Amino acid sequence: MSKPIVTGLMAYGMSGRIFHAPFLTTNPGFTFKAVVERHEKSRQKIPGCDEL
């Protein structure tokens, strides 16, 4: 099997929280590494991710 794709999200709004992050954290084909969010007050901690 090939190496997982290292992935990050460019925002963590409703779609990121409900659809994208759960998919990336449960799919063995991806390593969910980071979230980038432009508003500091909107930043959320996700287990196993770096906050940029």
PDB file of N, CA and C in Angstrom:
ATOM      1  N   MET A   1       0.844  -1.183   0.000  1.00  0.00           N
ATOM      2  CA  MET A   1       0.000   0.000   0.000  1.00  0.00           C
ATOM      3  C   MET A   1       0.884   1.239   0.000  1.00  0.00           C
ATOM      4  N   SER A   2       0.460   2.297  -0.666  1.00  0.00           N
ATOM      5  CA  SER A   2       1.243   3.519  -0.739  1.00  0.00           C
ATOM      6  C   SER A   2       1.113   4.339   0.541  1.00  0.00           C
ATOM      7  N   LYS A   3       1.984   5.322   0.672  1.00  0.00           N
ATOM      8  CA  LYS A   3       1.969   6.202   1.846  1.00  0.00           C
ATOM      9  C   LYS A   3       0.712   7.066   1.822  1.00  0.00           C
ATOM     10  N   PRO A   4       0.194   7.427   3.010  1.00  0.00           N
ATOM     11  CA  PRO A   4      -0.973   8.316   3.055  1.00  0.00           C
ATOM     12  C   PRO A   4      -0.618   9.720   2.546  1.00  0.00           C
ATOM     13  N   ILE A   5      -1.600  10.407   2.034  1.00  0.00           N
ATOM     14  CA  ILE A   5      -1.438  11.779   1.558  1.00  0.00           C
ATOM     15  C   ILE A   5      -1.525  12.710   2.760  1.00  0.00           C
ATOM     16  N   VAL A   6      -0.492  13.517   2.972  1.00  0.00           N
ATOM     17  CA  VAL A   6      -0.492  14.490   4.066  1.00  0.00           C
ATOM     18  C   VAL A   6      -1.381  15.650   3.647  1.00  0.00           C
ATOM     19  N   THR A   7      -2.379  15.955   4.478  1.00  0.00           N
ATOM     20  CA  THR A   7      -3.434  16.881   4.097  1.00  0.00           C
ATOM     21  C   THR A   7      -3.680  17.921   5.178  1.00  0.00           C
ATOM     22  N   GLY A   8      -4.143  19.097   4.762  1.00  0.00           N
ATOM     23  CA  GLY A   8      -4.549  20.146   5.686  1.00  0.00           C
ATOM     24  C   GLY A   8      -5.791  20.833   5.155  1.00  0.00           C
ATOM     25  N   LEU A   9      -6.448  21.569   6.016  1.00  0.00           N
ATOM     26  CA  LEU A   9      -7.625  22.342   5.620  1.00  0.00           C
ATOM     27  C   LEU A   9      -7.292  23.823   5.639  1.00  0.00           C
ATOM     28  N   MET A  10      -7.801  24.548   4.657  1.00  0.00           N
ATOM     29  CA  MET A  10      -7.553  25.983   4.570  1.00  0.00           C
ATOM     30  C   MET A  10      -8.561  26.783   5.388  1.00  0.00           C
ATOM     31  N   ALA A  11      -9.567  26.157   5.915  1.00  0.00           N
ATOM     32  CA  ALA A  11     -10.535  26.822   6.783  1.00  0.00           C
ATOM     33  C   ALA A  11     -11.222  25.742   7.610  1.00  0.00           C
ATOM     34  N   TYR A  12     -11.803  26.142   8.716  1.00  0.00           N
ATOM     35  CA  TYR A  12     -12.444  25.172   9.593  1.00  0.00           C
ATOM     36  C   TYR A  12     -13.827  25.667   9.993  1.00  0.00           C
ATOM     37  N   GLY A  13     -14.612  26.000   8.982  1.00  0.00           N
ATOM     38  CA  GLY A  13     -15.990  26.412   9.213  1.00  0.00           C
ATOM     39  C   GLY A  13     -16.881  25.187   9.323  1.00  0.00           C
ATOM     40  N   MET A  14     -18.154  25.359   9.037  1.00  0.00           N
ATOM     41  CA  MET A  14     -19.108  24.268   9.172  1.00  0.00           C
ATOM     42  C   MET A  14     -18.729  23.060   8.311  1.00  0.00           C
ATOM     43  N   SER A  15     -18.376  23.280   7.056  1.00  0.00           N
ATOM     44  CA  SER A  15     -18.018  22.158   6.180  1.00  0.00           C
ATOM     45  C   SER A  15     -16.768  21.444   6.667  1.00  0.00           C
ATOM     46  N   GLY A  16     -15.787  22.203   7.129  1.00  0.00           N
ATOM     47  CA  GLY A  16     -14.570  21.596   7.650  1.00  0.00           C
ATOM     48  C   GLY A  16     -14.819  20.750   8.876  1.00  0.00           C
ATOM     49  N   ARG A  17     -15.627  21.270   9.798  1.00  0.00           N
ATOM     50  CA  ARG A  17     -15.939  20.549  11.046  1.00  0.00           C
ATOM     51  C   ARG A  17     -16.801  19.320  10.815  1.00  0.00           C
ATOM     52  N   ILE A  18     -17.817  19.451   9.961  1.00  0.00           N
ATOM     53  CA  ILE A  18     -18.818  18.389   9.816  1.00  0.00           C
ATOM     54  C   ILE A  18     -18.446  17.352   8.751  1.00  0.00           C
ATOM     55  N   PHE A  19     -17.843  17.795   7.657  1.00  0.00           N
ATOM     56  CA  PHE A  19     -17.578  16.877   6.552  1.00  0.00           C
ATOM     57  C   PHE A  19     -16.096  16.537   6.362  1.00  0.00           C
ATOM     58  N   HIS A  20     -15.274  17.567   6.152  1.00  0.00           N
ATOM     59  CA  HIS A  20     -13.901  17.341   5.718  1.00  0.00           C
ATOM     60  C   HIS A  20     -13.004  16.759   6.811  1.00  0.00           C
ATOM     61  N   ALA A  21     -12.980  17.362   7.986  1.00  0.00           N
ATOM     62  CA  ALA A  21     -12.097  16.869   9.061  1.00  0.00           C
ATOM     63  C   ALA A  21     -12.443  15.440   9.483  1.00  0.00           C
ATOM     64  N   PRO A  22     -13.714  15.111   9.696  1.00  0.00           N
ATOM     65  CA  PRO A  22     -14.016  13.719  10.061  1.00  0.00           C
ATOM     66  C   PRO A  22     -13.601  12.715   8.980  1.00  0.00           C
ATOM     67  N   PHE A  23     -13.777  13.063   7.728  1.00  0.00           N
ATOM     68  CA  PHE A  23     -13.352  12.177   6.636  1.00  0.00           C
ATOM     69  C   PHE A  23     -11.836  11.987   6.657  1.00  0.00           C
ATOM     70  N   LEU A  24     -11.102  13.083   6.801  1.00  0.00           N
ATOM     71  CA  LEU A  24      -9.641  13.006   6.767  1.00  0.00           C
ATOM     72  C   LEU A  24      -9.065  12.273   7.976  1.00  0.00           C
ATOM     73  N   THR A  25      -9.714  12.370   9.124  1.00  0.00           N
ATOM     74  CA  THR A  25      -9.192  11.701  10.316  1.00  0.00           C
ATOM     75  C   THR A  25      -9.518  10.213  10.346  1.00  0.00           C
ATOM     76  N   THR A  26     -10.537   9.780   9.624  1.00  0.00           N
ATOM     77  CA  THR A  26     -10.920   8.372   9.658  1.00  0.00           C
ATOM     78  C   THR A  26     -10.467   7.577   8.432  1.00  0.00           C
ATOM     79  N   ASN A  27     -10.099   8.244   7.354  1.00  0.00           N
ATOM     80  CA  ASN A  27      -9.683   7.561   6.134  1.00  0.00           C
ATOM     81  C   ASN A  27      -8.186   7.258   6.201  1.00  0.00           C
ATOM     82  N   PRO A  28      -7.791   5.990   6.116  1.00  0.00           N
ATOM     83  CA  PRO A  28      -6.371   5.641   6.230  1.00  0.00           C
ATOM     84  C   PRO A  28      -5.512   6.131   5.056  1.00  0.00           C
ATOM     85  N   GLY A  29      -6.123   6.621   4.012  1.00  0.00           N
ATOM     86  CA  GLY A  29      -5.379   7.130   2.864  1.00  0.00           C
ATOM     87  C   GLY A  29      -4.867   8.549   3.055  1.00  0.00           C
ATOM     88  N   PHE A  30      -5.227   9.179   4.203  1.00  0.00           N
ATOM     89  CA  PHE A  30      -4.830  10.562   4.473  1.00  0.00           C
ATOM     90  C   PHE A  30      -4.229  10.680   5.864  1.00  0.00           C
ATOM     91  N   THR A  31      -3.274  11.590   6.013  1.00  0.00           N
ATOM     92  CA  THR A  31      -2.780  12.015   7.320  1.00  0.00           C
ATOM     93  C   THR A  31      -3.184  13.473   7.461  1.00  0.00           C
ATOM     94  N   PHE A  32      -4.095  13.741   8.385  1.00  0.00           N
ATOM     95  CA  PHE A  32      -4.613  15.095   8.599  1.00  0.00           C
ATOM     96  C   PHE A  32      -3.628  15.831   9.492  1.00  0.00           C
ATOM     97  N   LYS A  33      -2.924  16.820   8.938  1.00  0.00           N
ATOM     98  CA  LYS A  33      -1.793  17.436   9.617  1.00  0.00           C
ATOM     99  C   LYS A  33      -2.067  18.822  10.177  1.00  0.00           C
ATOM    100  N   ALA A  34      -2.825  19.671   9.468  1.00  0.00           N
ATOM    101  CA  ALA A  34      -2.931  21.066   9.904  1.00  0.00           C
ATOM    102  C   ALA A  34      -4.224  21.719   9.442  1.00  0.00           C
ATOM    103  N   VAL A  35      -4.571  22.792  10.167  1.00  0.00           N
ATOM    104  CA  VAL A  35      -5.693  23.654   9.800  1.00  0.00           C
ATOM    105  C   VAL A  35      -5.166  25.081   9.781  1.00  0.00           C
ATOM    106  N   VAL A  36      -5.485  25.810   8.730  1.00  0.00           N
ATOM    107  CA  VAL A  36      -5.124  27.220   8.641  1.00  0.00           C
ATOM    108  C   VAL A  36      -6.424  28.006   8.669  1.00  0.00           C
ATOM    109  N   GLU A  37      -6.523  28.960   9.576  1.00  0.00           N
ATOM    110  CA  GLU A  37      -7.738  29.767   9.716  1.00  0.00           C
ATOM    111  C   GLU A  37      -7.323  31.224   9.851  1.00  0.00           C
ATOM    112  N   ARG A  38      -7.955  32.107   9.099  1.00  0.00           N
ATOM    113  CA  ARG A  38      -7.525  33.507   9.108  1.00  0.00           C
ATOM    114  C   ARG A  38      -7.964  34.274  10.352  1.00  0.00           C
ATOM    115  N   HIS A  39      -9.060  33.894  10.971  1.00  0.00           N
ATOM    116  CA  HIS A  39      -9.528  34.582  12.170  1.00  0.00           C
ATOM    117  C   HIS A  39      -9.065  33.819  13.401  1.00  0.00           C
ATOM    118  N   GLU A  40      -8.255  34.468  14.207  1.00  0.00           N
ATOM    119  CA  GLU A  40      -7.700  33.798  15.376  1.00  0.00           C
ATOM    120  C   GLU A  40      -8.800  33.296  16.316  1.00  0.00           C
ATOM    121  N   LYS A  41      -9.871  34.068  16.477  1.00  0.00           N
ATOM    122  CA  LYS A  41     -10.948  33.639  17.379  1.00  0.00           C
ATOM    123  C   LYS A  41     -11.710  32.422  16.866  1.00  0.00           C
ATOM    124  N   SER A  42     -11.594  32.126  15.564  1.00  0.00           N
ATOM    125  CA  SER A  42     -12.290  30.987  14.978  1.00  0.00           C
ATOM    126  C   SER A  42     -11.494  29.693  15.051  1.00  0.00           C
ATOM    127  N   ARG A  43     -10.234  29.778  15.420  1.00  0.00           N
ATOM    128  CA  ARG A  43      -9.375  28.591  15.396  1.00  0.00           C
ATOM    129  C   ARG A  43      -9.858  27.540  16.387  1.00  0.00           C
ATOM    130  N   GLN A  44      -9.840  26.318  15.932  1.00  0.00           N
ATOM    131  CA  GLN A  44     -10.275  25.180  16.739  1.00  0.00           C
ATOM    132  C   GLN A  44      -9.124  24.195  16.851  1.00  0.00           C
ATOM    133  N   LYS A  45      -8.986  23.560  17.987  1.00  0.00           N
ATOM    134  CA  LYS A  45      -7.978  22.518  18.142  1.00  0.00           C
ATOM    135  C   LYS A  45      -8.559  21.197  17.660  1.00  0.00           C
ATOM    136  N   ILE A  46      -7.800  20.496  16.852  1.00  0.00           N
ATOM    137  CA  ILE A  46      -8.186  19.187  16.358  1.00  0.00           C
ATOM    138  C   ILE A  46      -7.104  18.222  16.797  1.00  0.00           C
ATOM    139  N   PRO A  47      -7.455  17.124  17.453  1.00  0.00           N
ATOM    140  CA  PRO A  47      -6.440  16.170  17.883  1.00  0.00           C
ATOM    141  C   PRO A  47      -5.549  15.718  16.730  1.00  0.00           C
ATOM    142  N   GLY A  48      -4.243  15.773  16.944  1.00  0.00           N
ATOM    143  CA  GLY A  48      -3.288  15.310  15.934  1.00  0.00           C
ATOM    144  C   GLY A  48      -2.932  16.324  14.872  1.00  0.00           C
ATOM    145  N   CYS A  49      -3.439  17.554  14.980  1.00  0.00           N
ATOM    146  CA  CYS A  49      -3.157  18.574  13.969  1.00  0.00           C
ATOM    147  C   CYS A  49      -2.358  19.710  14.549  1.00  0.00           C
ATOM    148  N   ASP A  50      -1.577  20.354  13.685  1.00  0.00           N
ATOM    149  CA  ASP A  50      -0.869  21.559  14.050  1.00  0.00           C
ATOM    150  C   ASP A  50      -1.744  22.739  13.677  1.00  0.00           C
ATOM    151  N   GLU A  51      -1.763  23.772  14.500  1.00  0.00           N
ATOM    152  CA  GLU A  51      -2.533  24.975  14.175  1.00  0.00           C
ATOM    153  C   GLU A  51      -1.581  25.998  13.613  1.00  0.00           C
ATOM    154  N   LEU A  52      -1.797  26.442  12.382  1.00  0.00           N
ATOM    155  CA  LEU A  52      -0.901  27.389  11.721  1.00  0.00           C
ATOM    156  C   LEU A  52      -1.507  28.773  11.698  1.00  0.00           C
TER     157      LEU A  52
END
